[in-house]
Amino acid sequence: MTALAPGTPAPDFSLHSTPDQKVALSEFKGRPVVMVFYPADWSPVCSDQLALYNELLPEFAEHNATLLGISVDGVWCHIAFGKDRKYHIPLLADFEPKGAVAKLYGVYDEKTGESERALFVIDAEGIIRWSYVSPVGINPGADGILRALENLAKEPAHATH
């Protein structure tokens, strides 16, 4: 699989954030979205990566960007993980059918049954503007995300039809 490239319309999806609430990508139309696919709750690299993004939420907010964390873990696992780590990032369960959204974005690893460690910056019109797949054992940090958001802010607004 290959991650969807910049310039590609971001496929819409709806995933559970709690047992009785779903979050759809289309809800964020009109503002940038940073999608963080990660392999698994509780793993050391994922924990560090999400902790960094949690600390940088004020910087993401300066760009009016919404951050969404996505893994194949179930909603109850996400709730426990987010509460334990004090994350203020919605963690979405790509649980059943397993990895369906990761597959849409070309970042599902059939061998491990988990998503790859992948980042997507989607513009206000729903177009992928930047994507990056990191080696699974390496925290990709936030520099690429912040650069992509800064580039979005520099671009002239697209004409509406």
C-alpha atoms as a PDB file:
ATOM      1  CA  MET A   1       0.000   0.000   0.000  1.00  0.00           C
ATOM      2  CA  THR A   2       1.052   3.556  -0.645  1.00  0.00           C
ATOM      3  CA  ALA A   3      -0.171   6.543   1.346  1.00  0.00           C
ATOM      4  CA  LEU A   4      -2.489   8.896  -0.516  1.00  0.00           C
ATOM      5  CA  ALA A   5      -0.489  11.693  -2.107  1.00  0.00           C
ATOM      6  CA  PRO A   6      -0.875  15.452  -1.711  1.00  0.00           C
ATOM      7  CA  GLY A   7      -3.493  16.850  -4.083  1.00  0.00           C
ATOM      8  CA  THR A   8      -5.820  13.885  -3.463  1.00  0.00           C
ATOM      9  CA  PRO A   9      -9.272  14.565  -1.989  1.00  0.00           C
ATOM     10  CA  ALA A  10      -9.315  13.123   1.542  1.00  0.00           C
ATOM     11  CA  PRO A  11     -11.793  10.230   1.746  1.00  0.00           C
ATOM     12  CA  ASP A  12     -14.558  10.992   4.230  1.00  0.00           C
ATOM     13  CA  PHE A  13     -15.116   8.594   7.118  1.00  0.00           C
ATOM     14  CA  SER A  14     -16.974   8.322  10.396  1.00  0.00           C
ATOM     15  CA  LEU A  15     -15.383   6.580  13.395  1.00  0.00           C
ATOM     16  CA  HIS A  16     -16.307   6.157  17.052  1.00  0.00           C
ATOM     17  CA  SER A  17     -14.656   8.496  19.556  1.00  0.00           C
ATOM     18  CA  THR A  18     -16.800   7.129  22.409  1.00  0.00           C
ATOM     19  CA  PRO A  19     -19.180   4.144  22.491  1.00  0.00           C
ATOM     20  CA  ASP A  20     -22.094   6.379  21.480  1.00  0.00           C
ATOM     21  CA  GLN A  21     -20.415   9.196  19.519  1.00  0.00           C
ATOM     22  CA  LYS A  22     -18.894   9.224  16.076  1.00  0.00           C
ATOM     23  CA  VAL A  23     -16.635  11.793  14.453  1.00  0.00           C
ATOM     24  CA  ALA A  24     -16.733  12.341  10.689  1.00  0.00           C
ATOM     25  CA  LEU A  25     -13.997  14.061   8.722  1.00  0.00           C
ATOM     26  CA  SER A  26     -16.673  16.077   6.886  1.00  0.00           C
ATOM     27  CA  GLU A  27     -17.566  17.801  10.199  1.00  0.00           C
ATOM     28  CA  PHE A  28     -14.319  19.779   9.912  1.00  0.00           C
ATOM     29  CA  LYS A  29     -14.850  21.160   6.394  1.00  0.00           C
ATOM     30  CA  GLY A  30     -13.679  24.752   6.337  1.00  0.00           C
ATOM     31  CA  ARG A  31     -10.677  24.220   8.614  1.00  0.00           C
ATOM     32  CA  PRO A  32      -7.425  22.251   8.398  1.00  0.00           C
ATOM     33  CA  VAL A  33      -7.275  18.761   9.873  1.00  0.00           C
ATOM     34  CA  VAL A  34      -4.185  16.875  10.983  1.00  0.00           C
ATOM     35  CA  MET A  35      -4.763  13.124  10.912  1.00  0.00           C
ATOM     36  CA  VAL A  36      -2.357  11.033  12.955  1.00  0.00           C
ATOM     37  CA  PHE A  37      -2.488   7.321  12.181  1.00  0.00           C
ATOM     38  CA  TYR A  38      -0.544   5.323  14.752  1.00  0.00           C
ATOM     39  CA  PRO A  39      -0.077   1.572  15.308  1.00  0.00           C
ATOM     40  CA  ALA A  40      -1.325   1.008  18.869  1.00  0.00           C
ATOM     41  CA  ASP A  41      -2.348   2.610  22.143  1.00  0.00           C
ATOM     42  CA  TRP A  42       0.116   2.076  24.998  1.00  0.00           C
ATOM     43  CA  SER A  43       3.183   1.457  22.822  1.00  0.00           C
ATOM     44  CA  PRO A  44       6.141   3.652  23.852  1.00  0.00           C
ATOM     45  CA  VAL A  45       6.662   5.451  20.521  1.00  0.00           C
ATOM     46  CA  CYS A  46       2.925   6.116  20.057  1.00  0.00           C
ATOM     47  CA  SER A  47       2.647   7.417  23.607  1.00  0.00           C
ATOM     48  CA  ASP A  48       5.563   9.818  23.093  1.00  0.00           C
ATOM     49  CA  GLN A  49       4.266  10.955  19.702  1.00  0.00           C
ATOM     50  CA  LEU A  50       0.769  11.725  20.987  1.00  0.00           C
ATOM     51  CA  ALA A  51       2.175  13.381  24.144  1.00  0.00           C
ATOM     52  CA  LEU A  52       4.169  15.755  21.926  1.00  0.00           C
ATOM     53  CA  TYR A  53       1.098  16.650  19.852  1.00  0.00           C
ATOM     54  CA  ASN A  54      -0.944  17.110  23.034  1.00  0.00           C
ATOM     55  CA  GLU A  55       1.659  19.628  24.265  1.00  0.00           C
ATOM     56  CA  LEU A  56       1.558  21.415  20.900  1.00  0.00           C
ATOM     57  CA  LEU A  57      -2.240  21.780  20.775  1.00  0.00           C
ATOM     58  CA  PRO A  58      -1.974  25.584  21.285  1.00  0.00           C
ATOM     59  CA  GLU A  59       0.263  25.793  18.178  1.00  0.00           C
ATOM     60  CA  PHE A  60      -2.173  23.704  16.144  1.00  0.00           C
ATOM     61  CA  ALA A  61      -4.986  25.966  17.406  1.00  0.00           C
ATOM     62  CA  GLU A  62      -3.124  29.017  16.070  1.00  0.00           C
ATOM     63  CA  HIS A  63      -3.624  27.475  12.613  1.00  0.00           C
ATOM     64  CA  ASN A  64      -7.280  26.656  13.436  1.00  0.00           C
ATOM     65  CA  ALA A  65      -6.339  23.003  12.880  1.00  0.00           C
ATOM     66  CA  THR A  66      -8.102  20.021  14.396  1.00  0.00           C
ATOM     67  CA  LEU A  67      -5.966  17.036  15.360  1.00  0.00           C
ATOM     68  CA  LEU A  68      -7.398  13.500  15.113  1.00  0.00           C
ATOM     69  CA  GLY A  69      -5.602  10.381  16.350  1.00  0.00           C
ATOM     70  CA  ILE A  70      -6.578   7.102  14.637  1.00  0.00           C
ATOM     71  CA  SER A  71      -5.596   3.517  15.385  1.00  0.00           C
ATOM     72  CA  VAL A  72      -7.179   0.076  15.123  1.00  0.00           C
ATOM     73  CA  ASP A  73      -7.668  -0.095  18.901  1.00  0.00           C
ATOM     74  CA  GLY A  74     -11.224  -0.252  20.220  1.00  0.00           C
ATOM     75  CA  VAL A  75     -13.031   2.718  21.727  1.00  0.00           C
ATOM     76  CA  TRP A  76     -12.695   1.492  25.342  1.00  0.00           C
ATOM     77  CA  CYS A  77      -8.956   1.090  24.909  1.00  0.00           C
ATOM     78  CA  HIS A  78      -8.769   4.649  23.523  1.00  0.00           C
ATOM     79  CA  ILE A  79     -10.780   6.019  26.448  1.00  0.00           C
ATOM     80  CA  ALA A  80      -8.482   4.367  29.014  1.00  0.00           C
ATOM     81  CA  PHE A  81      -5.330   5.400  27.110  1.00  0.00           C
ATOM     82  CA  GLY A  82      -6.435   9.017  26.624  1.00  0.00           C
ATOM     83  CA  LYS A  83      -7.536   9.375  30.241  1.00  0.00           C
ATOM     84  CA  ASP A  84      -4.356   7.786  31.615  1.00  0.00           C
ATOM     85  CA  ARG A  85      -2.116  10.037  29.490  1.00  0.00           C
ATOM     86  CA  LYS A  86      -4.321  13.160  29.865  1.00  0.00           C
ATOM     87  CA  TYR A  87      -4.605  13.625  26.103  1.00  0.00           C
ATOM     88  CA  HIS A  88      -6.946  16.294  24.740  1.00  0.00           C
ATOM     89  CA  ILE A  89      -6.911  14.803  21.252  1.00  0.00           C
ATOM     90  CA  PRO A  90      -9.876  12.826  19.924  1.00  0.00           C
ATOM     91  CA  LEU A  91      -8.760   9.206  19.527  1.00  0.00           C
ATOM     92  CA  LEU A  92     -10.817   7.449  16.871  1.00  0.00           C
ATOM     93  CA  ALA A  93     -11.334   3.694  16.718  1.00  0.00           C
ATOM     94  CA  ASP A  94     -10.635   2.234  13.265  1.00  0.00           C
ATOM     95  CA  PHE A  95     -11.691  -1.032  14.859  1.00  0.00           C
ATOM     96  CA  GLU A  96     -14.500  -2.698  12.919  1.00  0.00           C
ATOM     97  CA  PRO A  97     -14.147  -3.301  10.073  1.00  0.00           C
ATOM     98  CA  LYS A  98     -10.549  -3.347  11.250  1.00  0.00           C
ATOM     99  CA  GLY A  99      -8.353  -0.757   9.592  1.00  0.00           C
ATOM    100  CA  ALA A 100     -10.977   0.321   7.048  1.00  0.00           C
ATOM    101  CA  VAL A 101     -10.006   4.005   7.235  1.00  0.00           C
ATOM    102  CA  ALA A 102      -6.274   3.237   7.279  1.00  0.00           C
ATOM    103  CA  LYS A 103      -6.860   1.184   4.121  1.00  0.00           C
ATOM    104  CA  LEU A 104      -8.710   4.135   2.491  1.00  0.00           C
ATOM    105  CA  TYR A 105      -5.635   6.272   3.125  1.00  0.00           C
ATOM    106  CA  GLY A 106      -3.169   3.568   2.027  1.00  0.00           C
ATOM    107  CA  VAL A 107      -1.544   3.179   5.443  1.00  0.00           C
ATOM    108  CA  TYR A 108      -2.789  -0.193   6.736  1.00  0.00           C
ATOM    109  CA  ASP A 109      -0.144  -2.849   7.381  1.00  0.00           C
ATOM    110  CA  GLU A 110      -1.666  -6.245   6.563  1.00  0.00           C
ATOM    111  CA  LYS A 111       1.256  -8.070   8.227  1.00  0.00           C
ATOM    112  CA  THR A 112       0.794  -6.491  11.663  1.00  0.00           C
ATOM    113  CA  GLY A 113      -2.919  -5.732  11.465  1.00  0.00           C
ATOM    114  CA  GLU A 114      -2.201  -2.138  12.482  1.00  0.00           C
ATOM    115  CA  SER A 115      -1.986   1.194  10.719  1.00  0.00           C
ATOM    116  CA  GLU A 116       1.380   2.555   9.794  1.00  0.00           C
ATOM    117  CA  ARG A 117       2.725   5.629  11.582  1.00  0.00           C
ATOM    118  CA  ALA A 118       1.365   8.168   9.092  1.00  0.00           C
ATOM    119  CA  LEU A 119       0.519  11.862   9.099  1.00  0.00           C
ATOM    120  CA  PHE A 120      -1.839  13.756   6.810  1.00  0.00           C
ATOM    121  CA  VAL A 121      -2.531  17.493   6.701  1.00  0.00           C
ATOM    122  CA  ILE A 122      -5.855  18.204   5.006  1.00  0.00           C
ATOM    123  CA  ASP A 123      -6.821  21.720   3.947  1.00  0.00           C
ATOM    124  CA  ALA A 124     -10.123  23.493   4.580  1.00  0.00           C
ATOM    125  CA  GLU A 125     -11.517  22.183   1.273  1.00  0.00           C
ATOM    126  CA  GLY A 126     -10.775  18.555   2.181  1.00  0.00           C
ATOM    127  CA  ILE A 127      -7.685  18.076   0.001  1.00  0.00           C
ATOM    128  CA  ILE A 128      -4.599  16.292   1.325  1.00  0.00           C
ATOM    129  CA  ARG A 129      -1.831  18.892   1.224  1.00  0.00           C
ATOM    130  CA  TRP A 130       0.957  16.956   2.971  1.00  0.00           C
ATOM    131  CA  SER A 131       1.489  13.350   4.002  1.00  0.00           C
ATOM    132  CA  TYR A 132       4.313  11.439   5.611  1.00  0.00           C
ATOM    133  CA  VAL A 133       4.808   7.805   6.621  1.00  0.00           C
ATOM    134  CA  SER A 134       7.424   7.308   9.316  1.00  0.00           C
ATOM    135  CA  PRO A 135       9.234   4.066  10.102  1.00  0.00           C
ATOM    136  CA  VAL A 136       7.068   2.389  12.728  1.00  0.00           C
ATOM    137  CA  GLY A 137       9.708   2.651  15.478  1.00  0.00           C
ATOM    138  CA  ILE A 138      10.433   6.342  14.947  1.00  0.00           C
ATOM    139  CA  ASN A 139       8.472   9.302  16.301  1.00  0.00           C
ATOM    140  CA  PRO A 140       8.057  11.649  13.316  1.00  0.00           C
ATOM    141  CA  GLY A 141       7.797  14.704  15.564  1.00  0.00           C
ATOM    142  CA  ALA A 142       5.783  17.775  14.629  1.00  0.00           C
ATOM    143  CA  ASP A 143       8.072  19.870  12.400  1.00  0.00           C
ATOM    144  CA  GLY A 144       6.588  18.560   9.142  1.00  0.00           C
ATOM    145  CA  ILE A 145       3.027  19.104  10.360  1.00  0.00           C
ATOM    146  CA  LEU A 146       3.723  22.657  11.512  1.00  0.00           C
ATOM    147  CA  ARG A 147       5.526  23.492   8.256  1.00  0.00           C
ATOM    148  CA  ALA A 148       2.564  22.142   6.248  1.00  0.00           C
ATOM    149  CA  LEU A 149       0.113  24.220   8.319  1.00  0.00           C
ATOM    150  CA  GLU A 150       2.274  27.331   7.863  1.00  0.00           C
ATOM    151  CA  ASN A 151       2.326  26.722   4.099  1.00  0.00           C
ATOM    152  CA  LEU A 152      -1.486  26.462   4.091  1.00  0.00           C
ATOM    153  CA  ALA A 153      -1.711  29.794   5.875  1.00  0.00           C
ATOM    154  CA  LYS A 154       0.543  31.455   3.266  1.00  0.00           C
ATOM    155  CA  GLU A 155      -1.536  30.289   0.305  1.00  0.00           C
ATOM    156  CA  PRO A 156      -4.226  32.549  -1.134  1.00  0.00           C
ATOM    157  CA  ALA A 157      -7.755  31.382  -0.415  1.00  0.00           C
ATOM    158  CA  HIS A 158      -9.203  29.210  -3.167  1.00  0.00           C
ATOM    159  CA  ALA A 159     -11.963  30.767  -5.210  1.00  0.00           C
ATOM    160  CA  THR A 160     -15.364  29.345  -4.421  1.00  0.00           C
ATOM    161  CA  HIS A 161     -17.700  28.462  -7.269  1.00  0.00           C
END
